[in-house]
Amino acid sequence: MPDKKIFKLHAEVCKALAHALRIEVIDLLQGGESCFTDILEETGGLKSNLSQHLSIMVKCGILKVRKDSRCNYYSLSSSKVAKACSLMREVLIENLKKEQKLHKELLK
């Protein structure tokens, strides 16, 4: 049986991902490192709100930050983070397609 600590850590990472803006940031950062102001402009959020979300993701190890005199640059800690989110999105799309198919069959 695996050490239960890994399940707790897994849950903490999932909790850190449990916000649409955070998922959007991960999607944005798949293309590489980005400056805070660019992320802010792309997501259209509030500065303080985005800062809080980024801090949570850095603290959990999802993102890493590189500080520069002009800007804080954020990037994914691992490409596997984006892959995990992509896999989950694929599952969601498959489920939506199944629901649509069932709905169409029920309307017949």
Protein backbone atom coordinates (compact mmCIF):
# COMPACT_ATOMS: atom_id res chain seq x y z
CA MET A 1 0.00 0.00 0.00
CA PRO A 2 1.43 3.41 -0.94
CA ASP A 3 2.37 5.93 1.71
CA LYS A 4 -0.78 7.96 2.45
CA LYS A 5 1.28 11.16 2.46
CA ILE A 6 1.40 11.06 -1.35
CA PHE A 7 -2.41 11.10 -1.46
CA LYS A 8 -2.45 14.18 0.76
CA LEU A 9 0.10 15.93 -1.45
CA HIS A 10 -1.89 14.94 -4.55
CA ALA A 11 -5.04 16.40 -3.01
CA GLU A 12 -3.23 19.65 -2.21
CA VAL A 13 -2.09 20.03 -5.82
CA CYS A 14 -5.62 19.28 -7.07
CA LYS A 15 -6.96 21.85 -4.63
CA ALA A 16 -4.49 24.40 -6.01
CA LEU A 17 -5.80 23.65 -9.51
CA ALA A 18 -9.43 24.03 -8.47
CA HIS A 19 -10.02 27.44 -10.03
CA ALA A 20 -10.75 28.31 -13.66
CA LEU A 21 -8.24 31.18 -13.71
CA ARG A 22 -5.45 28.88 -12.53
CA ILE A 23 -6.26 26.36 -15.26
CA GLU A 24 -6.27 29.22 -17.77
CA VAL A 25 -2.82 30.34 -16.56
CA ILE A 26 -1.47 26.81 -16.98
CA ASP A 27 -2.87 26.70 -20.51
CA LEU A 28 -1.27 30.08 -21.25
CA LEU A 29 2.11 29.02 -19.85
CA GLN A 30 2.27 25.91 -22.04
CA GLY A 31 3.86 28.20 -24.60
CA GLY A 32 6.66 29.11 -22.22
CA GLU A 33 7.60 31.66 -19.61
CA SER A 34 5.48 34.79 -19.36
CA CYS A 35 5.71 38.09 -17.49
CA PHE A 36 3.11 38.89 -14.83
CA THR A 37 1.78 41.87 -16.80
CA ASP A 38 1.37 39.73 -19.92
CA ILE A 39 -0.53 37.08 -17.95
CA LEU A 40 -2.69 39.81 -16.44
CA GLU A 41 -3.47 41.27 -19.85
CA GLU A 42 -4.22 37.85 -21.36
CA THR A 43 -6.52 36.71 -18.54
CA GLY A 44 -8.19 40.08 -17.99
CA GLY A 45 -8.30 39.68 -14.24
CA LEU A 46 -7.52 41.97 -11.36
CA LYS A 47 -3.86 42.47 -10.43
CA SER A 48 -4.29 41.51 -6.76
CA ASN A 49 -6.45 38.50 -7.62
CA LEU A 50 -3.99 37.15 -10.20
CA SER A 51 -1.08 37.69 -7.84
CA GLN A 52 -2.82 35.62 -5.18
CA HIS A 53 -3.55 32.78 -7.62
CA LEU A 54 0.02 32.72 -8.92
CA SER A 55 1.39 32.65 -5.37
CA ILE A 56 -0.75 29.62 -4.53
CA MET A 57 0.49 27.77 -7.61
CA VAL A 58 4.13 28.64 -6.88
CA LYS A 59 3.73 27.50 -3.27
CA CYS A 60 2.34 24.13 -4.42
CA GLY A 61 5.12 23.65 -6.95
CA ILE A 62 2.91 23.95 -10.02
CA LEU A 63 4.67 27.09 -11.21
CA LYS A 64 8.09 28.57 -10.75
CA VAL A 65 8.93 32.26 -10.73
CA ARG A 66 11.99 34.12 -11.95
CA LYS A 67 12.32 37.65 -10.66
CA ASP A 68 13.74 40.33 -12.89
CA SER A 69 14.14 44.05 -12.23
CA ARG A 70 11.26 44.70 -14.65
CA CYS A 71 8.88 41.83 -14.01
CA ASN A 72 8.25 38.49 -12.37
CA TYR A 73 8.32 35.74 -14.99
CA TYR A 74 6.23 32.63 -14.43
CA SER A 75 6.60 29.22 -16.02
CA LEU A 76 5.36 25.69 -15.45
CA SER A 77 7.49 23.69 -13.04
CA SER A 78 7.11 20.70 -15.38
CA SER A 79 5.52 20.08 -18.75
CA LYS A 80 3.69 17.22 -17.01
CA VAL A 81 1.45 19.81 -15.31
CA ALA A 82 0.10 20.89 -18.70
CA LYS A 83 -0.21 17.25 -19.80
CA ALA A 84 -2.24 16.39 -16.69
CA CYS A 85 -4.60 19.31 -17.33
CA SER A 86 -4.89 18.35 -20.98
CA LEU A 87 -5.79 14.75 -20.07
CA MET A 88 -8.46 15.96 -17.66
CA ARG A 89 -9.87 18.25 -20.36
CA GLU A 90 -10.02 15.26 -22.75
CA VAL A 91 -12.00 13.28 -20.17
CA LEU A 92 -14.40 16.21 -19.73
CA ILE A 93 -14.90 16.54 -23.49
CA GLU A 94 -15.56 12.79 -23.82
CA ASN A 95 -18.13 13.01 -21.02
CA LEU A 96 -19.84 15.98 -22.67
CA LYS A 97 -20.04 14.11 -25.97
CA LYS A 98 -21.58 11.09 -24.23
CA GLU A 99 -24.14 13.34 -22.54
CA GLN A 100 -24.99 15.04 -25.85
CA LYS A 101 -25.42 11.67 -27.55
CA LEU A 102 -27.68 10.44 -24.75
CA HIS A 103 -29.68 13.65 -24.87
CA LYS A 104 -30.18 13.31 -28.65
CA GLU A 105 -31.28 9.68 -28.24
CA LEU A 106 -33.79 10.66 -25.59
CA LEU A 107 -35.29 13.34 -27.83
CA LYS A 108 -35.98 10.82 -30.63
